Amino acid sequence: MQNIGLIAGNNRFPFLVAEEIKKSGDRVICIALKEEADSSLEKICDKTYRLSIGKFQKIIDALKSEDIKTVIMAGQVKHVKIYSAVSMDWRAIKVMGSLINKKTDTILKTIACEFEKDGMCLIPSHTYLKHLLAQKGLISGLKLSSNENRDVEFGYKIAKGIAGFDIGQTVVVKDMSVLAVESVEGTDECIKRAYQLGGENSIAVKVAKPNQDFRFDIPVIGINTVNILKENKIRAMAVEAGVILILDKDKVINKAKQEEVTILAI
């Protein structure tokens, strides 16, 4: 048995990681980020520290005090929180001051290096959840028409392009035209904007970056994604097979079937 450090953001992802770590027989020492993590996470973790995103040295010290050698980051941290006036300690200021830019990849890779300096290895966030990765094929709903499949292929190329520039990982297309491109606002808001601009029956496509670093950034969909797709009358969502996590996979598939939402992995 070993202590695994879990740095938790928002949504269901950290809950699922914590549950699977415990099933494996290891203990979960959670750093629940004050600005993001659900307080009920404490109920399933062996020990929890609630710390601010900006208190980087305190996060390191807490993990070291628990003899943590392996760390997993799980759960969304909204980009606006990183750029907002979060009170930072000296180490966080030093890290942010060393950045050549403030792209997500740059920030997180720099943070990963800081963990390594203190003898901690950051492992892929889906290490315990590989059974939840989307498998190629139709996951729920009706098959697409030939025109809709062309939209999927078109959207996939666009999504891969913007992902390569670390802009976002989701696009919404319709009739071979781009309605919305994800940026810092996230997938849900991208989908909502697409509906406002293009109406119903568009196609959402979500991919991984060409060189995705799964230690701290893996694209996910979940129950809320299905709700957003339904509310905004999206015809289908295509996700990249083998790299997109479907959180609470069985529940998502059942919900999508119930709501007649098409999801496929390509």
C-alpha atoms as a PDB file:
ATOM      1  CA  MET A   1       0.000   0.000   0.000  1.00  0.00           C
ATOM      2  CA  GLN A   2       1.236   3.470  -0.847  1.00  0.00           C
ATOM      3  CA  ASN A   3      -0.058   7.007  -0.540  1.00  0.00           C
ATOM      4  CA  ILE A   4      -1.149   8.523  -3.867  1.00  0.00           C
ATOM      5  CA  GLY A   5      -1.483  12.283  -4.045  1.00  0.00           C
ATOM      6  CA  LEU A   6      -4.614  13.537  -5.809  1.00  0.00           C
ATOM      7  CA  ILE A   7      -4.787  17.196  -6.803  1.00  0.00           C
ATOM      8  CA  ALA A   8      -8.492  17.714  -7.358  1.00  0.00           C
ATOM      9  CA  GLY A   9     -10.298  20.251  -9.515  1.00  0.00           C
ATOM     10  CA  ASN A  10     -14.020  20.321 -10.209  1.00  0.00           C
ATOM     11  CA  ASN A  11     -16.635  17.890 -11.550  1.00  0.00           C
ATOM     12  CA  ARG A  12     -16.776  14.073 -11.309  1.00  0.00           C
ATOM     13  CA  PHE A  13     -13.293  13.227 -12.546  1.00  0.00           C
ATOM     14  CA  PRO A  14     -11.470  13.394  -9.167  1.00  0.00           C
ATOM     15  CA  PHE A  15     -14.212  11.320  -7.494  1.00  0.00           C
ATOM     16  CA  LEU A  16     -13.770   8.513 -10.008  1.00  0.00           C
ATOM     17  CA  VAL A  17      -9.974   8.619  -9.698  1.00  0.00           C
ATOM     18  CA  ALA A  18     -10.168   8.486  -5.895  1.00  0.00           C
ATOM     19  CA  GLU A  19     -12.579   5.536  -5.999  1.00  0.00           C
ATOM     20  CA  GLU A  20     -10.361   3.537  -8.360  1.00  0.00           C
ATOM     21  CA  ILE A  21      -7.197   4.262  -6.361  1.00  0.00           C
ATOM     22  CA  LYS A  22      -8.880   2.931  -3.251  1.00  0.00           C
ATOM     23  CA  LYS A  23     -10.098  -0.158  -5.121  1.00  0.00           C
ATOM     24  CA  SER A  24      -6.463  -0.862  -6.018  1.00  0.00           C
ATOM     25  CA  GLY A  25      -5.580  -0.941  -2.318  1.00  0.00           C
ATOM     26  CA  ASP A  26      -3.705   2.366  -2.108  1.00  0.00           C
ATOM     27  CA  ARG A  27      -4.539   5.394   0.042  1.00  0.00           C
ATOM     28  CA  VAL A  28      -5.726   8.731  -1.388  1.00  0.00           C
ATOM     29  CA  ILE A  29      -4.221  11.932  -0.013  1.00  0.00           C
ATOM     30  CA  CYS A  30      -6.215  14.710  -1.623  1.00  0.00           C
ATOM     31  CA  ILE A  31      -5.258  18.304  -2.269  1.00  0.00           C
ATOM     32  CA  ALA A  32      -8.732  19.734  -2.864  1.00  0.00           C
ATOM     33  CA  LEU A  33      -8.319  23.063  -4.628  1.00  0.00           C
ATOM     34  CA  LYS A  34     -10.464  25.555  -2.711  1.00  0.00           C
ATOM     35  CA  GLU A  35     -11.592  27.385  -5.819  1.00  0.00           C
ATOM     36  CA  GLU A  36     -12.760  24.252  -7.625  1.00  0.00           C
ATOM     37  CA  ALA A  37     -13.077  20.964  -5.705  1.00  0.00           C
ATOM     38  CA  ASP A  38     -16.368  19.668  -4.288  1.00  0.00           C
ATOM     39  CA  SER A  39     -16.218  19.482  -0.481  1.00  0.00           C
ATOM     40  CA  SER A  40     -17.887  16.042  -0.504  1.00  0.00           C
ATOM     41  CA  LEU A  41     -14.698  14.606  -1.997  1.00  0.00           C
ATOM     42  CA  GLU A  42     -13.399  14.441   1.562  1.00  0.00           C
ATOM     43  CA  LYS A  43     -15.792  11.585   2.301  1.00  0.00           C
ATOM     44  CA  ILE A  44     -14.002   9.132   0.032  1.00  0.00           C
ATOM     45  CA  CYS A  45     -10.384  10.269   0.412  1.00  0.00           C
ATOM     46  CA  ASP A  46      -8.216   9.021   3.269  1.00  0.00           C
ATOM     47  CA  LYS A  47      -7.017  12.531   4.059  1.00  0.00           C
ATOM     48  CA  THR A  48      -7.818  15.900   2.526  1.00  0.00           C
ATOM     49  CA  TYR A  49      -6.070  19.261   2.508  1.00  0.00           C
ATOM     50  CA  ARG A  50      -8.124  22.193   1.201  1.00  0.00           C
ATOM     51  CA  LEU A  51      -5.673  24.646  -0.320  1.00  0.00           C
ATOM     52  CA  SER A  52      -5.825  27.520  -2.767  1.00  0.00           C
ATOM     53  CA  ILE A  53      -4.542  27.177  -6.328  1.00  0.00           C
ATOM     54  CA  GLY A  54      -2.045  29.951  -5.630  1.00  0.00           C
ATOM     55  CA  LYS A  55      -0.479  28.332  -2.522  1.00  0.00           C
ATOM     56  CA  PHE A  56       1.920  26.128  -4.450  1.00  0.00           C
ATOM     57  CA  GLN A  57       4.532  25.718  -1.714  1.00  0.00           C
ATOM     58  CA  LYS A  58       1.835  24.672   0.772  1.00  0.00           C
ATOM     59  CA  ILE A  59       0.615  22.065  -1.731  1.00  0.00           C
ATOM     60  CA  ILE A  60       4.148  20.692  -2.098  1.00  0.00           C
ATOM     61  CA  ASP A  61       4.706  20.712   1.669  1.00  0.00           C
ATOM     62  CA  ALA A  62       1.424  18.872   2.343  1.00  0.00           C
ATOM     63  CA  LEU A  63       2.281  16.135  -0.152  1.00  0.00           C
ATOM     64  CA  LYS A  64       5.820  15.754   1.188  1.00  0.00           C
ATOM     65  CA  SER A  65       4.518  15.495   4.753  1.00  0.00           C
ATOM     66  CA  GLU A  66       2.477  12.441   3.652  1.00  0.00           C
ATOM     67  CA  ASP A  67       5.518  10.828   1.964  1.00  0.00           C
ATOM     68  CA  ILE A  68       3.903  11.144  -1.481  1.00  0.00           C
ATOM     69  CA  LYS A  69       5.991   9.970  -4.424  1.00  0.00           C
ATOM     70  CA  THR A  70       3.205   9.665  -7.009  1.00  0.00           C
ATOM     71  CA  VAL A  71       0.756  12.455  -7.875  1.00  0.00           C
ATOM     72  CA  ILE A  72      -2.311  12.568 -10.121  1.00  0.00           C
ATOM     73  CA  MET A  73      -4.054  15.739 -11.257  1.00  0.00           C
ATOM     74  CA  ALA A  74      -7.770  15.250 -12.000  1.00  0.00           C
ATOM     75  CA  GLY A  75     -10.658  17.615 -12.516  1.00  0.00           C
ATOM     76  CA  GLN A  76     -11.034  20.877 -14.350  1.00  0.00           C
ATOM     77  CA  VAL A  77      -9.451  24.102 -13.180  1.00  0.00           C
ATOM     78  CA  LYS A  78     -11.085  26.933 -15.096  1.00  0.00           C
ATOM     79  CA  HIS A  79      -8.527  28.944 -17.023  1.00  0.00           C
ATOM     80  CA  VAL A  80     -10.009  32.189 -15.767  1.00  0.00           C
ATOM     81  CA  LYS A  81      -9.055  31.122 -12.230  1.00  0.00           C
ATOM     82  CA  ILE A  82      -5.422  30.824 -13.292  1.00  0.00           C
ATOM     83  CA  TYR A  83      -5.480  34.306 -14.789  1.00  0.00           C
ATOM     84  CA  SER A  84      -7.567  35.949 -12.068  1.00  0.00           C
ATOM     85  CA  ALA A  85      -6.245  37.735  -9.033  1.00  0.00           C
ATOM     86  CA  VAL A  86      -5.613  34.578  -7.018  1.00  0.00           C
ATOM     87  CA  SER A  87      -3.348  35.240  -4.047  1.00  0.00           C
ATOM     88  CA  MET A  88      -0.053  33.540  -4.891  1.00  0.00           C
ATOM     89  CA  ASP A  89       2.761  32.478  -2.605  1.00  0.00           C
ATOM     90  CA  TRP A  90       6.419  33.072  -3.499  1.00  0.00           C
ATOM     91  CA  ARG A  91       6.786  29.759  -5.327  1.00  0.00           C
ATOM     92  CA  ALA A  92       3.681  30.261  -7.452  1.00  0.00           C
ATOM     93  CA  ILE A  93       4.900  33.753  -8.357  1.00  0.00           C
ATOM     94  CA  LYS A  94       8.296  32.300  -9.300  1.00  0.00           C
ATOM     95  CA  VAL A  95       6.672  29.618 -11.475  1.00  0.00           C
ATOM     96  CA  MET A  96       4.390  32.091 -13.259  1.00  0.00           C
ATOM     97  CA  GLY A  97       7.284  34.495 -13.731  1.00  0.00           C
ATOM     98  CA  SER A  98       9.360  31.801 -15.442  1.00  0.00           C
ATOM     99  CA  LEU A  99       6.783  31.081 -18.149  1.00  0.00           C
ATOM    100  CA  ILE A 100       7.615  31.894 -21.752  1.00  0.00           C
ATOM    101  CA  ASN A 101       3.853  32.175 -22.360  1.00  0.00           C
ATOM    102  CA  LYS A 102       0.634  31.408 -20.493  1.00  0.00           C
ATOM    103  CA  LYS A 103      -0.669  28.610 -22.689  1.00  0.00           C
ATOM    104  CA  THR A 104      -2.183  25.751 -20.683  1.00  0.00           C
ATOM    105  CA  ASP A 105       0.506  23.278 -21.734  1.00  0.00           C
ATOM    106  CA  THR A 106       3.290  25.657 -20.757  1.00  0.00           C
ATOM    107  CA  ILE A 107       1.827  26.307 -17.294  1.00  0.00           C
ATOM    108  CA  LEU A 108       1.176  22.661 -16.492  1.00  0.00           C
ATOM    109  CA  LYS A 109       4.499  21.337 -17.790  1.00  0.00           C
ATOM    110  CA  THR A 110       6.278  23.916 -15.650  1.00  0.00           C
ATOM    111  CA  ILE A 111       4.248  22.795 -12.621  1.00  0.00           C
ATOM    112  CA  ALA A 112       5.117  19.156 -13.384  1.00  0.00           C
ATOM    113  CA  CYS A 113       8.810  20.066 -13.330  1.00  0.00           C
ATOM    114  CA  GLU A 114       8.350  21.680  -9.913  1.00  0.00           C
ATOM    115  CA  PHE A 115       6.890  18.440  -8.517  1.00  0.00           C
ATOM    116  CA  GLU A 116       9.853  16.520  -9.915  1.00  0.00           C
ATOM    117  CA  LYS A 117      12.248  18.876  -8.131  1.00  0.00           C
ATOM    118  CA  ASP A 118      10.694  17.716  -4.870  1.00  0.00           C
ATOM    119  CA  GLY A 119      10.909  14.020  -5.727  1.00  0.00           C
ATOM    120  CA  MET A 120       7.330  13.501  -6.888  1.00  0.00           C
ATOM    121  CA  CYS A 121       6.316  11.894 -10.170  1.00  0.00           C
ATOM    122  CA  LEU A 122       3.206  13.167 -11.930  1.00  0.00           C
ATOM    123  CA  ILE A 123       1.493  10.235 -13.679  1.00  0.00           C
ATOM    124  CA  PRO A 124      -1.223  10.258 -16.392  1.00  0.00           C
ATOM    125  CA  SER A 125      -4.565  11.288 -14.963  1.00  0.00           C
ATOM    126  CA  HIS A 126      -6.330   8.339 -16.611  1.00  0.00           C
ATOM    127  CA  THR A 127      -3.951   5.715 -15.173  1.00  0.00           C
ATOM    128  CA  TYR A 128      -6.731   4.170 -13.062  1.00  0.00           C
ATOM    129  CA  LEU A 129      -9.529   4.882 -15.550  1.00  0.00           C
ATOM    130  CA  LYS A 130      -8.481   3.359 -18.876  1.00  0.00           C
ATOM    131  CA  HIS A 131     -11.661   1.266 -18.929  1.00  0.00           C
ATOM    132  CA  LEU A 132     -13.580   4.528 -19.405  1.00  0.00           C
ATOM    133  CA  LEU A 133     -11.834   5.549 -22.641  1.00  0.00           C
ATOM    134  CA  ALA A 134     -14.144   5.874 -25.646  1.00  0.00           C
ATOM    135  CA  GLN A 135     -13.941   2.879 -27.984  1.00  0.00           C
ATOM    136  CA  LYS A 136     -14.279   3.401 -31.743  1.00  0.00           C
ATOM    137  CA  GLY A 137     -17.793   3.146 -33.149  1.00  0.00           C
ATOM    138  CA  LEU A 138     -21.348   4.252 -32.414  1.00  0.00           C
ATOM    139  CA  ILE A 139     -21.811   4.707 -28.655  1.00  0.00           C
ATOM    140  CA  SER A 140     -25.449   5.822 -28.607  1.00  0.00           C
ATOM    141  CA  GLY A 141     -28.192   7.118 -30.865  1.00  0.00           C
ATOM    142  CA  LEU A 142     -28.905   6.895 -34.576  1.00  0.00           C
ATOM    143  CA  LYS A 143     -26.270   6.453 -37.275  1.00  0.00           C
ATOM    144  CA  LEU A 144     -25.280   9.567 -39.163  1.00  0.00           C
ATOM    145  CA  SER A 145     -26.123  10.297 -42.778  1.00  0.00           C
ATOM    146  CA  SER A 146     -23.384  10.599 -45.388  1.00  0.00           C
ATOM    147  CA  ASN A 147     -23.583  14.408 -45.173  1.00  0.00           C
ATOM    148  CA  GLU A 148     -23.318  14.303 -41.389  1.00  0.00           C
ATOM    149  CA  ASN A 149     -20.319  11.982 -41.622  1.00  0.00           C
ATOM    150  CA  ARG A 150     -18.667  14.499 -43.928  1.00  0.00           C
ATOM    151  CA  ASP A 151     -19.272  17.142 -41.258  1.00  0.00           C
ATOM    152  CA  VAL A 152     -17.608  14.860 -38.707  1.00  0.00           C
ATOM    153  CA  GLU A 153     -14.533  14.434 -40.929  1.00  0.00           C
ATOM    154  CA  PHE A 154     -14.430  18.172 -41.602  1.00  0.00           C
ATOM    155  CA  GLY A 155     -14.827  19.002 -37.904  1.00  0.00           C
ATOM    156  CA  TYR A 156     -12.166  16.490 -36.886  1.00  0.00           C
ATOM    157  CA  LYS A 157      -9.545  18.186 -39.072  1.00  0.00           C
ATOM    158  CA  ILE A 158     -10.464  21.619 -37.714  1.00  0.00           C
ATOM    159  CA  ALA A 159     -10.485  20.386 -34.107  1.00  0.00           C
ATOM    160  CA  LYS A 160      -7.059  18.772 -34.511  1.00  0.00           C
ATOM    161  CA  GLY A 161      -5.783  22.014 -35.961  1.00  0.00           C
ATOM    162  CA  ILE A 162      -6.910  24.246 -33.091  1.00  0.00           C
ATOM    163  CA  ALA A 163      -5.829  21.625 -30.552  1.00  0.00           C
ATOM    164  CA  GLY A 164      -2.341  21.682 -32.030  1.00  0.00           C
ATOM    165  CA  PHE A 165      -2.157  25.394 -31.274  1.00  0.00           C
ATOM    166  CA  ASP A 166      -3.462  24.790 -27.701  1.00  0.00           C
ATOM    167  CA  ILE A 167      -6.535  26.928 -28.376  1.00  0.00           C
ATOM    168  CA  GLY A 168      -9.208  24.363 -27.523  1.00  0.00           C
ATOM    169  CA  GLN A 169     -10.196  20.792 -28.309  1.00  0.00           C
ATOM    170  CA  THR A 170     -13.814  21.098 -29.469  1.00  0.00           C
ATOM    171  CA  VAL A 171     -15.453  22.567 -32.550  1.00  0.00           C
ATOM    172  CA  VAL A 172     -19.080  22.652 -33.650  1.00  0.00           C
ATOM    173  CA  VAL A 173     -19.794  22.466 -37.372  1.00  0.00           C
ATOM    174  CA  LYS A 174     -22.793  22.407 -39.694  1.00  0.00           C
ATOM    175  CA  ASP A 175     -22.976  21.962 -43.457  1.00  0.00           C
ATOM    176  CA  MET A 176     -19.171  22.034 -43.738  1.00  0.00           C
ATOM    177  CA  SER A 177     -18.992  25.357 -41.883  1.00  0.00           C
ATOM    178  CA  VAL A 178     -17.503  26.118 -38.467  1.00  0.00           C
ATOM    179  CA  LEU A 179     -20.038  27.560 -36.026  1.00  0.00           C
ATOM    180  CA  ALA A 180     -17.908  27.700 -32.879  1.00  0.00           C
ATOM    181  CA  VAL A 181     -14.388  26.970 -31.722  1.00  0.00           C
ATOM    182  CA  GLU A 182     -13.632  26.209 -28.086  1.00  0.00           C
ATOM    183  CA  SER A 183     -11.308  28.561 -26.238  1.00  0.00           C
ATOM    184  CA  VAL A 184     -10.857  29.217 -22.507  1.00  0.00           C
ATOM    185  CA  GLU A 185     -14.618  29.071 -21.892  1.00  0.00           C
ATOM    186  CA  GLY A 186     -14.741  25.269 -22.267  1.00  0.00           C
ATOM    187  CA  THR A 187     -16.735  22.724 -24.266  1.00  0.00           C
ATOM    188  CA  ASP A 188     -20.184  23.455 -22.798  1.00  0.00           C
ATOM    189  CA  GLU A 189     -20.070  27.170 -23.575  1.00  0.00           C
ATOM    190  CA  CYS A 190     -18.722  26.449 -27.050  1.00  0.00           C
ATOM    191  CA  ILE A 191     -21.747  24.234 -27.742  1.00  0.00           C
ATOM    192  CA  LYS A 192     -24.168  26.847 -26.399  1.00  0.00           C
ATOM    193  CA  ARG A 193     -22.627  29.532 -28.593  1.00  0.00           C
ATOM    194  CA  ALA A 194     -22.886  27.292 -31.660  1.00  0.00           C
ATOM    195  CA  TYR A 195     -26.616  26.820 -31.107  1.00  0.00           C
ATOM    196  CA  GLN A 196     -27.137  30.575 -30.771  1.00  0.00           C
ATOM    197  CA  LEU A 197     -25.310  31.112 -34.055  1.00  0.00           C
ATOM    198  CA  GLY A 198     -26.411  28.153 -36.149  1.00  0.00           C
ATOM    199  CA  GLY A 199     -29.519  26.638 -34.635  1.00  0.00           C
ATOM    200  CA  GLU A 200     -30.213  22.922 -34.308  1.00  0.00           C
ATOM    201  CA  ASN A 201     -28.709  19.797 -35.895  1.00  0.00           C
ATOM    202  CA  SER A 202     -25.052  20.809 -35.823  1.00  0.00           C
ATOM    203  CA  ILE A 203     -22.201  18.375 -35.093  1.00  0.00           C
ATOM    204  CA  ALA A 204     -19.793  18.719 -32.147  1.00  0.00           C
ATOM    205  CA  VAL A 205     -16.334  17.177 -32.416  1.00  0.00           C
ATOM    206  CA  LYS A 206     -13.949  16.770 -29.485  1.00  0.00           C
ATOM    207  CA  VAL A 207     -10.350  15.548 -29.833  1.00  0.00           C
ATOM    208  CA  ALA A 208      -7.064  15.269 -27.984  1.00  0.00           C
ATOM    209  CA  LYS A 209      -4.125  17.480 -28.784  1.00  0.00           C
ATOM    210  CA  PRO A 210      -1.640  16.016 -31.301  1.00  0.00           C
ATOM    211  CA  ASN A 211       0.904  15.564 -28.488  1.00  0.00           C
ATOM    212  CA  GLN A 212      -1.454  15.386 -25.521  1.00  0.00           C
ATOM    213  CA  ASP A 213       0.307  15.182 -22.160  1.00  0.00           C
ATOM    214  CA  PHE A 214      -2.059  12.922 -20.237  1.00  0.00           C
ATOM    215  CA  ARG A 215      -0.365  13.669 -16.928  1.00  0.00           C
ATOM    216  CA  PHE A 216      -2.485  16.714 -16.416  1.00  0.00           C
ATOM    217  CA  ASP A 217      -4.779  17.246 -19.345  1.00  0.00           C
ATOM    218  CA  ILE A 218      -7.130  14.629 -20.753  1.00  0.00           C
ATOM    219  CA  PRO A 219     -10.352  15.551 -22.566  1.00  0.00           C
ATOM    220  CA  VAL A 220     -13.532  14.201 -20.987  1.00  0.00           C
ATOM    221  CA  ILE A 221     -17.278  14.068 -21.506  1.00  0.00           C
ATOM    222  CA  GLY A 222     -19.920  13.152 -18.947  1.00  0.00           C
ATOM    223  CA  ILE A 223     -23.580  13.338 -17.967  1.00  0.00           C
ATOM    224  CA  ASN A 224     -23.555  17.130 -18.125  1.00  0.00           C
ATOM    225  CA  THR A 225     -22.226  16.939 -21.692  1.00  0.00           C
ATOM    226  CA  VAL A 226     -25.261  14.879 -22.718  1.00  0.00           C
ATOM    227  CA  ASN A 227     -27.556  17.452 -21.083  1.00  0.00           C
ATOM    228  CA  ILE A 228     -25.844  20.305 -22.919  1.00  0.00           C
ATOM    229  CA  LEU A 229     -26.078  18.465 -26.251  1.00  0.00           C
ATOM    230  CA  LYS A 230     -29.791  17.828 -25.712  1.00  0.00           C
ATOM    231  CA  GLU A 231     -30.587  21.354 -24.552  1.00  0.00           C
ATOM    232  CA  ASN A 232     -28.829  22.878 -27.550  1.00  0.00           C
ATOM    233  CA  LYS A 233     -30.295  20.422 -30.084  1.00  0.00           C
ATOM    234  CA  ILE A 234     -26.927  19.135 -31.272  1.00  0.00           C
ATOM    235  CA  ARG A 235     -27.401  16.347 -33.835  1.00  0.00           C
ATOM    236  CA  ALA A 236     -24.359  14.361 -32.647  1.00  0.00           C
ATOM    237  CA  MET A 237     -21.068  14.521 -30.805  1.00  0.00           C
ATOM    238  CA  ALA A 238     -18.026  12.753 -32.235  1.00  0.00           C
ATOM    239  CA  VAL A 239     -15.075  12.116 -29.924  1.00  0.00           C
ATOM    240  CA  GLU A 240     -11.618  10.819 -30.687  1.00  0.00           C
ATOM    241  CA  ALA A 241     -11.405   7.116 -29.873  1.00  0.00           C
ATOM    242  CA  GLY A 242      -8.919   5.864 -27.304  1.00  0.00           C
ATOM    243  CA  VAL A 243      -8.099   9.269 -25.829  1.00  0.00           C
ATOM    244  CA  ILE A 244     -11.391  10.777 -24.606  1.00  0.00           C
ATOM    245  CA  LEU A 245     -12.608   9.692 -21.171  1.00  0.00           C
ATOM    246  CA  ILE A 246     -16.319   9.082 -20.697  1.00  0.00           C
ATOM    247  CA  LEU A 247     -16.897   9.758 -17.023  1.00  0.00           C
ATOM    248  CA  ASP A 248     -19.518   7.448 -15.469  1.00  0.00           C
ATOM    249  CA  LYS A 249     -19.517   5.689 -18.837  1.00  0.00           C
ATOM    250  CA  ASP A 250     -22.532   3.395 -18.342  1.00  0.00           C
ATOM    251  CA  LYS A 251     -24.662   6.247 -17.007  1.00  0.00           C
ATOM    252  CA  VAL A 252     -23.649   8.502 -19.900  1.00  0.00           C
ATOM    253  CA  ILE A 253     -24.565   5.860 -22.486  1.00  0.00           C
ATOM    254  CA  ASN A 254     -27.929   5.201 -20.833  1.00  0.00           C
ATOM    255  CA  LYS A 255     -28.662   8.921 -20.528  1.00  0.00           C
ATOM    256  CA  ALA A 256     -27.720   9.533 -24.169  1.00  0.00           C
ATOM    257  CA  LYS A 257     -29.998   6.718 -25.323  1.00  0.00           C
ATOM    258  CA  GLN A 258     -32.825   8.068 -23.160  1.00  0.00           C
ATOM    259  CA  GLU A 259     -32.391  11.582 -24.575  1.00  0.00           C
ATOM    260  CA  GLU A 260     -31.864  10.282 -28.131  1.00  0.00           C
ATOM    261  CA  VAL A 261     -28.450  11.962 -28.320  1.00  0.00           C
ATOM    262  CA  THR A 262     -25.996  10.453 -30.791  1.00  0.00           C
ATOM    263  CA  ILE A 263     -22.432   9.964 -29.560  1.00  0.00           C
ATOM    264  CA  LEU A 264     -19.752   8.222 -31.598  1.00  0.00           C
ATOM    265  CA  ALA A 265     -16.019   7.665 -31.329  1.00  0.00           C
ATOM    266  CA  ILE A 266     -13.869   8.046 -34.441  1.00  0.00           C
END
